[in-house]
Amino acid sequence: MFEGMSLTEMAGQAVSLIALGFCIVGFASKRDDRLMVLLISANVAFALQFALFGSWTAAVLSLLVIGRIVLARRYLGNWKVMLAVLAVNLLAAALTWRTPVDFFAIGAAMFGTVGMFMLRGIPMRLTLAAAAICWMLNNLLIGSVGGTLAEGMVVVTNFVTIFRLARMKRRYPEAFAKLNEPDS
């Protein structure tokens, strides 16, 4: 499977497995704030992985995810800040565009931005699942086995957590409401 792969591509595969660990732990969390912090770490690893594969649009958009997470936590629900983040992502994509595969990274950035700025709990996780599917398709098309596996695991882990949250909401509505409160 790894025959004919350069050392740089093998390094990209290894880095993507590190990102996988951060993603699984993050999406398994029922706390939105913890999810966001772990996604920052995962996106540093994903950006490095994309750079190692020469997928520059995906690398830059992954780095911009870090800023988006910080801004979304501070400006939750702020349309103006969200639109500015979307504009920066589109500008970065226009400057780094190479192939139609880059559309998947752009789609992931758009879904992730709207989800993080405007949604919480289950709706946010559904939108982030759509972003993960876009990233998974991007990884598949650039040949990143580790990245494809990482995003596939993000989707599965995310949906398991959505199921758990929905079940908890039905059984313990008061406790569920507290999960979505920001950390003090």
N, C-alpha and C. Protein backbone atom coordinates (compact mmCIF):
# COMPACT_ATOMS: atom_id res chain seq x y z
N MET A 1 0.81 -1.19 0.00
CA MET A 1 0.00 0.00 0.00
C MET A 1 0.86 1.26 0.00
N PHE A 2 1.96 1.23 0.72
CA PHE A 2 2.82 2.41 0.81
C PHE A 2 3.99 2.34 -0.18
N GLU A 3 3.97 1.32 -1.05
CA GLU A 3 5.02 1.20 -2.06
C GLU A 3 4.97 2.39 -3.00
N GLY A 4 6.14 2.91 -3.32
CA GLY A 4 6.21 4.04 -4.24
C GLY A 4 5.90 5.38 -3.60
N MET A 5 5.61 5.38 -2.32
CA MET A 5 5.31 6.63 -1.63
C MET A 5 6.62 7.28 -1.20
N SER A 6 6.71 8.58 -1.35
CA SER A 6 7.91 9.29 -0.92
C SER A 6 7.96 9.40 0.60
N LEU A 7 9.12 9.74 1.13
CA LEU A 7 9.23 9.95 2.58
C LEU A 7 8.32 11.08 3.05
N THR A 8 8.18 12.09 2.22
CA THR A 8 7.31 13.21 2.56
C THR A 8 5.86 12.75 2.69
N GLU A 9 5.41 11.92 1.75
CA GLU A 9 4.04 11.40 1.80
C GLU A 9 3.85 10.46 2.99
N MET A 10 4.87 9.67 3.31
CA MET A 10 4.78 8.80 4.49
C MET A 10 4.70 9.63 5.77
N ALA A 11 5.46 10.72 5.81
CA ALA A 11 5.39 11.62 6.96
C ALA A 11 3.99 12.23 7.06
N GLY A 12 3.40 12.56 5.91
CA GLY A 12 2.03 13.08 5.90
C GLY A 12 1.04 12.08 6.48
N GLN A 13 1.25 10.80 6.14
CA GLN A 13 0.38 9.75 6.69
C GLN A 13 0.54 9.66 8.21
N ALA A 14 1.77 9.73 8.68
CA ALA A 14 2.02 9.63 10.13
C ALA A 14 1.39 10.80 10.88
N VAL A 15 1.54 11.99 10.34
CA VAL A 15 0.98 13.18 10.99
C VAL A 15 -0.54 13.10 11.02
N SER A 16 -1.13 12.55 9.97
CA SER A 16 -2.59 12.44 9.95
C SER A 16 -3.11 11.51 11.05
N LEU A 17 -2.32 10.52 11.42
CA LEU A 17 -2.74 9.63 12.51
C LEU A 17 -2.73 10.35 13.86
N ILE A 18 -1.82 11.29 14.02
CA ILE A 18 -1.81 12.12 15.23
C ILE A 18 -3.09 12.97 15.26
N ALA A 19 -3.45 13.54 14.13
CA ALA A 19 -4.68 14.33 14.04
C ALA A 19 -5.89 13.46 14.36
N LEU A 20 -5.86 12.22 13.91
CA LEU A 20 -6.95 11.28 14.20
C LEU A 20 -7.19 11.17 15.70
N GLY A 21 -6.12 11.03 16.47
CA GLY A 21 -6.27 10.92 17.93
C GLY A 21 -6.94 12.13 18.54
N PHE A 22 -6.51 13.32 18.14
CA PHE A 22 -7.14 14.54 18.66
C PHE A 22 -8.61 14.61 18.29
N CYS A 23 -8.94 14.23 17.06
CA CYS A 23 -10.32 14.30 16.60
C CYS A 23 -11.23 13.34 17.36
N ILE A 24 -10.79 12.13 17.55
CA ILE A 24 -11.63 11.15 18.25
C ILE A 24 -11.90 11.60 19.68
N VAL A 25 -10.88 12.03 20.37
CA VAL A 25 -11.07 12.49 21.75
C VAL A 25 -11.99 13.71 21.78
N GLY A 26 -11.81 14.63 20.83
CA GLY A 26 -12.64 15.83 20.79
C GLY A 26 -14.10 15.53 20.52
N PHE A 27 -14.38 14.75 19.48
CA PHE A 27 -15.76 14.49 19.13
C PHE A 27 -16.44 13.53 20.09
N ALA A 28 -15.68 12.78 20.86
CA ALA A 28 -16.27 11.93 21.88
C ALA A 28 -16.71 12.74 23.10
N SER A 29 -16.21 13.96 23.21
CA SER A 29 -16.57 14.82 24.34
C SER A 29 -17.98 15.36 24.18
N LYS A 30 -18.68 15.46 25.28
CA LYS A 30 -20.01 16.05 25.27
C LYS A 30 -19.95 17.55 25.50
N ARG A 31 -18.78 18.07 25.79
CA ARG A 31 -18.60 19.50 26.06
C ARG A 31 -18.10 20.21 24.81
N ASP A 32 -18.84 21.20 24.36
CA ASP A 32 -18.47 21.92 23.14
C ASP A 32 -17.12 22.62 23.28
N ASP A 33 -16.83 23.20 24.46
CA ASP A 33 -15.57 23.90 24.64
C ASP A 33 -14.37 22.97 24.51
N ARG A 34 -14.47 21.78 25.09
CA ARG A 34 -13.37 20.81 24.99
C ARG A 34 -13.18 20.37 23.53
N LEU A 35 -14.29 20.17 22.83
CA LEU A 35 -14.24 19.83 21.41
C LEU A 35 -13.44 20.87 20.64
N MET A 36 -13.73 22.13 20.89
CA MET A 36 -13.05 23.21 20.15
C MET A 36 -11.55 23.22 20.40
N VAL A 37 -11.14 23.04 21.64
CA VAL A 37 -9.71 23.05 21.98
C VAL A 37 -8.99 21.89 21.30
N LEU A 38 -9.58 20.72 21.31
CA LEU A 38 -8.95 19.57 20.67
C LEU A 38 -8.93 19.71 19.14
N LEU A 39 -9.92 20.39 18.59
CA LEU A 39 -9.92 20.62 17.15
C LEU A 39 -8.78 21.54 16.72
N ILE A 40 -8.38 22.45 17.59
CA ILE A 40 -7.23 23.31 17.28
C ILE A 40 -5.99 22.45 17.08
N SER A 41 -5.74 21.54 18.00
CA SER A 41 -4.58 20.66 17.90
C SER A 41 -4.65 19.78 16.66
N ALA A 42 -5.82 19.24 16.38
CA ALA A 42 -5.98 18.39 15.21
C ALA A 42 -5.71 19.16 13.92
N ASN A 43 -6.13 20.42 13.87
CA ASN A 43 -5.96 21.18 12.64
C ASN A 43 -4.52 21.59 12.40
N VAL A 44 -3.73 21.73 13.43
CA VAL A 44 -2.30 21.96 13.22
C VAL A 44 -1.71 20.73 12.52
N ALA A 45 -2.07 19.55 13.01
CA ALA A 45 -1.58 18.31 12.40
C ALA A 45 -2.11 18.14 10.98
N PHE A 46 -3.39 18.44 10.75
CA PHE A 46 -3.93 18.32 9.40
C PHE A 46 -3.26 19.28 8.44
N ALA A 47 -3.01 20.50 8.87
CA ALA A 47 -2.34 21.48 8.00
C ALA A 47 -0.97 20.96 7.58
N LEU A 48 -0.23 20.41 8.54
CA LEU A 48 1.08 19.84 8.23
C LEU A 48 0.94 18.67 7.26
N GLN A 49 -0.04 17.82 7.48
CA GLN A 49 -0.27 16.69 6.59
C GLN A 49 -0.55 17.17 5.17
N PHE A 50 -1.44 18.15 5.02
CA PHE A 50 -1.76 18.65 3.68
C PHE A 50 -0.55 19.28 3.01
N ALA A 51 0.25 20.00 3.79
CA ALA A 51 1.46 20.60 3.22
C ALA A 51 2.41 19.50 2.73
N LEU A 52 2.54 18.44 3.49
CA LEU A 52 3.41 17.33 3.08
C LEU A 52 2.91 16.67 1.80
N PHE A 53 1.60 16.70 1.57
CA PHE A 53 1.03 16.15 0.33
C PHE A 53 0.95 17.18 -0.79
N GLY A 54 1.37 18.42 -0.52
CA GLY A 54 1.33 19.46 -1.54
C GLY A 54 -0.06 19.98 -1.84
N SER A 55 -0.98 19.78 -0.92
CA SER A 55 -2.36 20.26 -1.06
C SER A 55 -2.48 21.60 -0.32
N TRP A 56 -2.06 22.67 -1.01
CA TRP A 56 -1.88 23.96 -0.34
C TRP A 56 -3.17 24.63 0.08
N THR A 57 -4.22 24.51 -0.70
CA THR A 57 -5.50 25.10 -0.30
C THR A 57 -5.98 24.45 1.00
N ALA A 58 -5.93 23.14 1.05
CA ALA A 58 -6.35 22.43 2.26
C ALA A 58 -5.46 22.79 3.44
N ALA A 59 -4.14 22.94 3.21
CA ALA A 59 -3.22 23.29 4.30
C ALA A 59 -3.56 24.67 4.87
N VAL A 60 -3.75 25.65 3.99
CA VAL A 60 -4.05 27.01 4.45
C VAL A 60 -5.41 27.06 5.14
N LEU A 61 -6.41 26.39 4.56
CA LEU A 61 -7.73 26.41 5.17
C LEU A 61 -7.73 25.69 6.52
N SER A 62 -6.92 24.67 6.67
CA SER A 62 -6.79 23.99 7.97
C SER A 62 -6.20 24.92 9.02
N LEU A 63 -5.21 25.71 8.61
CA LEU A 63 -4.65 26.69 9.56
C LEU A 63 -5.67 27.77 9.92
N LEU A 64 -6.46 28.18 8.93
CA LEU A 64 -7.49 29.18 9.21
C LEU A 64 -8.57 28.65 10.15
N VAL A 65 -8.76 27.33 10.18
CA VAL A 65 -9.72 26.73 11.11
C VAL A 65 -9.35 27.10 12.55
N ILE A 66 -8.07 27.17 12.84
CA ILE A 66 -7.62 27.51 14.20
C ILE A 66 -8.13 28.90 14.59
N GLY A 67 -7.92 29.87 13.70
CA GLY A 67 -8.44 31.22 13.97
C GLY A 67 -9.95 31.23 14.06
N ARG A 68 -10.60 30.45 13.19
CA ARG A 68 -12.06 30.37 13.22
C ARG A 68 -12.56 29.84 14.56
N ILE A 69 -11.90 28.83 15.09
CA ILE A 69 -12.33 28.26 16.37
C ILE A 69 -12.24 29.32 17.47
N VAL A 70 -11.12 30.03 17.51
CA VAL A 70 -10.92 31.08 18.52
C VAL A 70 -11.99 32.17 18.37
N LEU A 71 -12.20 32.63 17.14
CA LEU A 71 -13.19 33.69 16.90
C LEU A 71 -14.62 33.21 17.19
N ALA A 72 -14.94 31.98 16.81
CA ALA A 72 -16.29 31.46 17.03
C ALA A 72 -16.59 31.34 18.52
N ARG A 73 -15.59 31.00 19.30
CA ARG A 73 -15.80 30.91 20.75
C ARG A 73 -16.06 32.29 21.34
N ARG A 74 -15.37 33.28 20.83
CA ARG A 74 -15.51 34.65 21.36
C ARG A 74 -16.73 35.37 20.79
N TYR A 75 -17.05 35.12 19.52
CA TYR A 75 -18.12 35.86 18.84
C TYR A 75 -19.25 34.94 18.37
N LEU A 76 -19.63 34.02 19.22
CA LEU A 76 -20.70 33.07 18.91
C LEU A 76 -21.95 33.82 18.45
N GLY A 77 -22.47 33.44 17.30
CA GLY A 77 -23.70 34.04 16.79
C GLY A 77 -23.51 35.37 16.08
N ASN A 78 -22.29 35.84 15.94
CA ASN A 78 -22.04 37.14 15.31
C ASN A 78 -21.91 36.94 13.79
N TRP A 79 -22.92 37.40 13.06
CA TRP A 79 -22.95 37.23 11.61
C TRP A 79 -21.82 37.97 10.92
N LYS A 80 -21.50 39.18 11.39
CA LYS A 80 -20.46 39.98 10.73
C LYS A 80 -19.10 39.29 10.82
N VAL A 81 -18.76 38.79 11.98
CA VAL A 81 -17.47 38.10 12.15
C VAL A 81 -17.47 36.82 11.32
N MET A 82 -18.59 36.09 11.33
CA MET A 82 -18.67 34.86 10.54
C MET A 82 -18.48 35.16 9.05
N LEU A 83 -19.13 36.20 8.55
CA LEU A 83 -18.99 36.55 7.13
C LEU A 83 -17.56 36.97 6.81
N ALA A 84 -16.90 37.65 7.74
CA ALA A 84 -15.50 38.02 7.52
C ALA A 84 -14.62 36.77 7.44
N VAL A 85 -14.87 35.80 8.31
CA VAL A 85 -14.11 34.54 8.29
C VAL A 85 -14.36 33.81 6.98
N LEU A 86 -15.61 33.76 6.53
CA LEU A 86 -15.91 33.12 5.25
C LEU A 86 -15.17 33.81 4.10
N ALA A 87 -15.13 35.14 4.13
CA ALA A 87 -14.44 35.90 3.08
C ALA A 87 -12.94 35.61 3.08
N VAL A 88 -12.33 35.54 4.25
CA VAL A 88 -10.89 35.23 4.34
C VAL A 88 -10.63 33.83 3.80
N ASN A 89 -11.50 32.89 4.12
CA ASN A 89 -11.34 31.52 3.60
C ASN A 89 -11.43 31.50 2.08
N LEU A 90 -12.38 32.21 1.52
CA LEU A 90 -12.52 32.23 0.06
C LEU A 90 -11.32 32.92 -0.60
N LEU A 91 -10.81 33.98 0.00
CA LEU A 91 -9.63 34.65 -0.53
C LEU A 91 -8.42 33.71 -0.50
N ALA A 92 -8.23 33.03 0.64
CA ALA A 92 -7.11 32.09 0.76
C ALA A 92 -7.23 30.97 -0.27
N ALA A 93 -8.45 30.49 -0.48
CA ALA A 93 -8.66 29.43 -1.46
C ALA A 93 -8.36 29.93 -2.87
N ALA A 94 -8.77 31.15 -3.16
CA ALA A 94 -8.51 31.71 -4.50
C ALA A 94 -7.01 31.86 -4.75
N LEU A 95 -6.26 32.22 -3.71
CA LEU A 95 -4.82 32.42 -3.86
C LEU A 95 -4.03 31.12 -3.95
N THR A 96 -4.58 30.03 -3.42
CA THR A 96 -3.84 28.76 -3.38
C THR A 96 -4.42 27.70 -4.31
N TRP A 97 -5.50 28.00 -4.98
CA TRP A 97 -6.22 27.05 -5.82
C TRP A 97 -5.29 26.35 -6.82
N ARG A 98 -5.44 25.02 -6.92
CA ARG A 98 -4.66 24.25 -7.89
C ARG A 98 -5.52 23.34 -8.74
N THR A 99 -6.45 22.63 -8.10
CA THR A 99 -7.26 21.64 -8.82
C THR A 99 -8.70 21.66 -8.30
N PRO A 100 -9.62 21.02 -9.04
CA PRO A 100 -11.01 20.91 -8.55
C PRO A 100 -11.13 20.19 -7.20
N VAL A 101 -10.14 19.40 -6.83
CA VAL A 101 -10.16 18.74 -5.53
C VAL A 101 -10.26 19.77 -4.41
N ASP A 102 -9.73 20.96 -4.66
CA ASP A 102 -9.76 22.02 -3.65
C ASP A 102 -11.17 22.44 -3.27
N PHE A 103 -12.16 22.13 -4.12
CA PHE A 103 -13.55 22.44 -3.77
C PHE A 103 -13.97 21.76 -2.47
N PHE A 104 -13.44 20.56 -2.23
CA PHE A 104 -13.82 19.84 -1.00
C PHE A 104 -13.30 20.56 0.25
N ALA A 105 -12.08 21.07 0.18
CA ALA A 105 -11.54 21.84 1.31
C ALA A 105 -12.35 23.11 1.53
N ILE A 106 -12.76 23.75 0.44
CA ILE A 106 -13.57 24.96 0.55
C ILE A 106 -14.93 24.62 1.17
N GLY A 107 -15.54 23.55 0.73
CA GLY A 107 -16.82 23.12 1.32
C GLY A 107 -16.69 22.84 2.80
N ALA A 108 -15.61 22.18 3.17
CA ALA A 108 -15.36 21.89 4.59
C ALA A 108 -15.24 23.18 5.38
N ALA A 109 -14.52 24.15 4.84
CA ALA A 109 -14.34 25.43 5.53
C ALA A 109 -15.68 26.15 5.70
N MET A 110 -16.52 26.11 4.69
CA MET A 110 -17.82 26.79 4.76
C MET A 110 -18.73 26.13 5.80
N PHE A 111 -18.87 24.80 5.72
CA PHE A 111 -19.71 24.09 6.70
C PHE A 111 -19.19 24.34 8.12
N GLY A 112 -17.89 24.20 8.31
CA GLY A 112 -17.31 24.37 9.64
C GLY A 112 -17.52 25.77 10.20
N THR A 113 -17.39 26.76 9.34
CA THR A 113 -17.55 28.15 9.80
C THR A 113 -18.98 28.41 10.26
N VAL A 114 -19.94 28.04 9.44
CA VAL A 114 -21.34 28.26 9.81
C VAL A 114 -21.68 27.48 11.07
N GLY A 115 -21.26 26.23 11.14
CA GLY A 115 -21.55 25.40 12.31
C GLY A 115 -20.99 25.96 13.59
N MET A 116 -19.74 26.39 13.56
CA MET A 116 -19.10 26.88 14.78
C MET A 116 -19.61 28.24 15.23
N PHE A 117 -19.96 29.11 14.29
CA PHE A 117 -20.43 30.44 14.67
C PHE A 117 -21.89 30.46 15.05
N MET A 118 -22.71 29.66 14.39
CA MET A 118 -24.15 29.81 14.53
C MET A 118 -24.86 28.69 15.28
N LEU A 119 -24.18 27.59 15.52
CA LEU A 119 -24.86 26.44 16.10
C LEU A 119 -24.16 25.94 17.35
N ARG A 120 -24.86 25.13 18.12
CA ARG A 120 -24.31 24.48 19.31
C ARG A 120 -24.91 23.09 19.41
N GLY A 121 -24.29 22.22 20.21
CA GLY A 121 -24.83 20.90 20.48
C GLY A 121 -24.98 20.05 19.23
N ILE A 122 -26.13 19.37 19.11
CA ILE A 122 -26.36 18.45 18.00
C ILE A 122 -26.33 19.14 16.64
N PRO A 123 -27.00 20.28 16.45
CA PRO A 123 -26.93 20.93 15.13
C PRO A 123 -25.49 21.29 14.71
N MET A 124 -24.68 21.75 15.67
CA MET A 124 -23.29 22.04 15.34
C MET A 124 -22.56 20.77 14.91
N ARG A 125 -22.77 19.69 15.62
CA ARG A 125 -22.08 18.45 15.29
C ARG A 125 -22.52 17.89 13.93
N LEU A 126 -23.78 18.09 13.56
CA LEU A 126 -24.24 17.67 12.23
C LEU A 126 -23.54 18.46 11.13
N THR A 127 -23.40 19.76 11.34
CA THR A 127 -22.71 20.59 10.36
C THR A 127 -21.24 20.24 10.30
N LEU A 128 -20.63 19.98 11.46
CA LEU A 128 -19.23 19.57 11.47
C LEU A 128 -19.04 18.20 10.83
N ALA A 129 -20.06 17.35 10.90
CA ALA A 129 -20.00 16.06 10.21
C ALA A 129 -19.97 16.28 8.70
N ALA A 130 -20.76 17.24 8.21
CA ALA A 130 -20.73 17.56 6.77
C ALA A 130 -19.35 18.07 6.38
N ALA A 131 -18.75 18.89 7.24
CA ALA A 131 -17.38 19.37 6.97
C ALA A 131 -16.40 18.20 6.94
N ALA A 132 -16.54 17.27 7.87
CA ALA A 132 -15.64 16.11 7.92
C ALA A 132 -15.79 15.25 6.67
N ILE A 133 -17.00 15.13 6.14
CA ILE A 133 -17.19 14.36 4.91
C ILE A 133 -16.46 15.05 3.76
N CYS A 134 -16.53 16.37 3.70
CA CYS A 134 -15.78 17.11 2.66
C CYS A 134 -14.28 16.87 2.82
N TRP A 135 -13.78 16.96 4.06
CA TRP A 135 -12.34 16.71 4.29
C TRP A 135 -11.99 15.27 3.92
N MET A 136 -12.88 14.33 4.23
CA MET A 136 -12.60 12.92 3.92
C MET A 136 -12.47 12.73 2.40
N LEU A 137 -13.37 13.35 1.64
CA LEU A 137 -13.28 13.25 0.18
C LEU A 137 -12.00 13.91 -0.33
N ASN A 138 -11.62 15.04 0.25
CA ASN A 138 -10.37 15.70 -0.12
C ASN A 138 -9.18 14.77 0.13
N ASN A 139 -9.15 14.17 1.31
CA ASN A 139 -8.06 13.26 1.66
C ASN A 139 -8.02 12.05 0.73
N LEU A 140 -9.16 11.52 0.42
CA LEU A 140 -9.24 10.36 -0.46
C LEU A 140 -8.66 10.71 -1.84
N LEU A 141 -9.01 11.86 -2.35
CA LEU A 141 -8.58 12.25 -3.69
C LEU A 141 -7.10 12.63 -3.77
N ILE A 142 -6.50 13.10 -2.66
CA ILE A 142 -5.07 13.40 -2.70
C ILE A 142 -4.22 12.18 -2.34
N GLY A 143 -4.89 11.09 -1.93
CA GLY A 143 -4.17 9.85 -1.63
C GLY A 143 -3.72 9.70 -0.20
N SER A 144 -4.30 10.44 0.71
CA SER A 144 -3.93 10.34 2.12
C SER A 144 -4.75 9.28 2.82
N VAL A 145 -4.16 8.12 3.00
CA VAL A 145 -4.84 7.03 3.68
C VAL A 145 -5.14 7.42 5.13
N GLY A 146 -4.14 7.95 5.81
CA GLY A 146 -4.32 8.34 7.21
C GLY A 146 -5.35 9.44 7.38
N GLY A 147 -5.33 10.43 6.49
CA GLY A 147 -6.29 11.52 6.56
C GLY A 147 -7.71 11.06 6.29
N THR A 148 -7.86 10.15 5.31
CA THR A 148 -9.18 9.59 5.01
C THR A 148 -9.71 8.82 6.21
N LEU A 149 -8.86 8.01 6.82
CA LEU A 149 -9.25 7.26 8.00
C LEU A 149 -9.59 8.21 9.15
N ALA A 150 -8.79 9.24 9.33
CA ALA A 150 -9.04 10.20 10.41
C ALA A 150 -10.41 10.85 10.25
N GLU A 151 -10.73 11.33 9.06
CA GLU A 151 -12.02 11.99 8.86
C GLU A 151 -13.18 11.00 8.92
N GLY A 152 -12.97 9.77 8.44
CA GLY A 152 -14.00 8.74 8.59
C GLY A 152 -14.29 8.46 10.05
N MET A 153 -13.24 8.39 10.86
CA MET A 153 -13.42 8.18 12.29
C MET A 153 -14.09 9.38 12.95
N VAL A 154 -13.79 10.58 12.47
CA VAL A 154 -14.44 11.78 12.99
C VAL A 154 -15.95 11.69 12.72
N VAL A 155 -16.32 11.29 11.51
CA VAL A 155 -17.74 11.18 11.18
C VAL A 155 -18.42 10.15 12.08
N VAL A 156 -17.83 8.98 12.21
CA VAL A 156 -18.42 7.92 13.04
C VAL A 156 -18.50 8.36 14.50
N THR A 157 -17.41 8.87 15.04
CA THR A 157 -17.38 9.30 16.44
C THR A 157 -18.38 10.43 16.67
N ASN A 158 -18.45 11.34 15.73
CA ASN A 158 -19.37 12.46 15.83
C ASN A 158 -20.82 11.97 15.89
N PHE A 159 -21.19 11.02 15.02
CA PHE A 159 -22.56 10.52 15.02
C PHE A 159 -22.87 9.70 16.28
N VAL A 160 -21.90 8.98 16.80
CA VAL A 160 -22.10 8.28 18.07
C VAL A 160 -22.39 9.29 19.18
N THR A 161 -21.63 10.37 19.21
CA THR A 161 -21.84 11.41 20.23
C THR A 161 -23.19 12.09 20.03
N ILE A 162 -23.60 12.33 18.79
CA ILE A 162 -24.92 12.91 18.52
C ILE A 162 -26.01 11.99 19.08
N PHE A 163 -25.88 10.70 18.84
CA PHE A 163 -26.84 9.72 19.37
C PHE A 163 -26.87 9.78 20.90
N ARG A 164 -25.70 9.82 21.52
CA ARG A 164 -25.63 9.88 22.99
C ARG A 164 -26.26 11.16 23.52
N LEU A 165 -26.00 12.28 22.85
CA LEU A 165 -26.58 13.55 23.28
C LEU A 165 -28.10 13.55 23.12
N ALA A 166 -28.59 12.99 22.02
CA ALA A 166 -30.04 12.93 21.80
C ALA A 166 -30.70 12.06 22.87
N ARG A 167 -30.08 10.94 23.18
CA ARG A 167 -30.61 10.06 24.22
C ARG A 167 -30.59 10.75 25.58
N MET A 168 -29.51 11.45 25.87
CA MET A 168 -29.40 12.17 27.14
C MET A 168 -30.45 13.28 27.22
N LYS A 169 -30.67 13.94 26.11
CA LYS A 169 -31.66 15.03 26.09
C LYS A 169 -33.05 14.50 26.41
N ARG A 170 -33.38 13.33 25.90
CA ARG A 170 -34.69 12.73 26.19
C ARG A 170 -34.79 12.31 27.65
N ARG A 171 -33.73 11.74 28.19
CA ARG A 171 -33.77 11.20 29.56
C ARG A 171 -33.57 12.26 30.63
N TYR A 172 -32.66 13.20 30.37
CA TYR A 172 -32.27 14.19 31.39
C TYR A 172 -32.23 15.59 30.78
N PRO A 173 -33.38 16.17 30.46
CA PRO A 173 -33.36 17.47 29.79
C PRO A 173 -32.62 18.56 30.57
N GLU A 174 -32.68 18.53 31.91
CA GLU A 174 -31.99 19.55 32.71
C GLU A 174 -30.47 19.43 32.59
N ALA A 175 -29.97 18.21 32.63
CA ALA A 175 -28.52 17.97 32.51
C ALA A 175 -28.04 18.34 31.11
N PHE A 176 -28.85 18.04 30.09
CA PHE A 176 -28.46 18.35 28.72
C PHE A 176 -28.28 19.85 28.53
N ALA A 177 -29.16 20.61 29.12
CA ALA A 177 -29.07 22.07 29.00
C ALA A 177 -27.75 22.58 29.58
N LYS A 178 -27.28 21.96 30.65
CA LYS A 178 -26.02 22.40 31.28
C LYS A 178 -24.82 22.06 30.43
N LEU A 179 -24.88 21.01 29.61
CA LEU A 179 -23.75 20.63 28.75
C LEU A 179 -23.43 21.72 27.74
N ASN A 180 -24.41 22.45 27.32
CA ASN A 180 -24.21 23.46 26.28
C ASN A 180 -23.91 24.84 26.82
N GLU A 181 -23.78 24.95 28.14
CA GLU A 181 -23.39 26.23 28.73
C GLU A 181 -21.88 26.37 28.59
N PRO A 182 -21.39 27.59 28.31
CA PRO A 182 -19.94 27.79 28.21
C PRO A 182 -19.27 27.50 29.56
N ASP A 183 -18.01 27.03 29.47
CA ASP A 183 -17.24 26.80 30.70
C ASP A 183 -16.97 28.13 31.38
N SER A 184 -16.93 28.09 32.70
CA SER A 184 -16.64 29.32 33.46
C SER A 184 -15.17 29.58 33.54
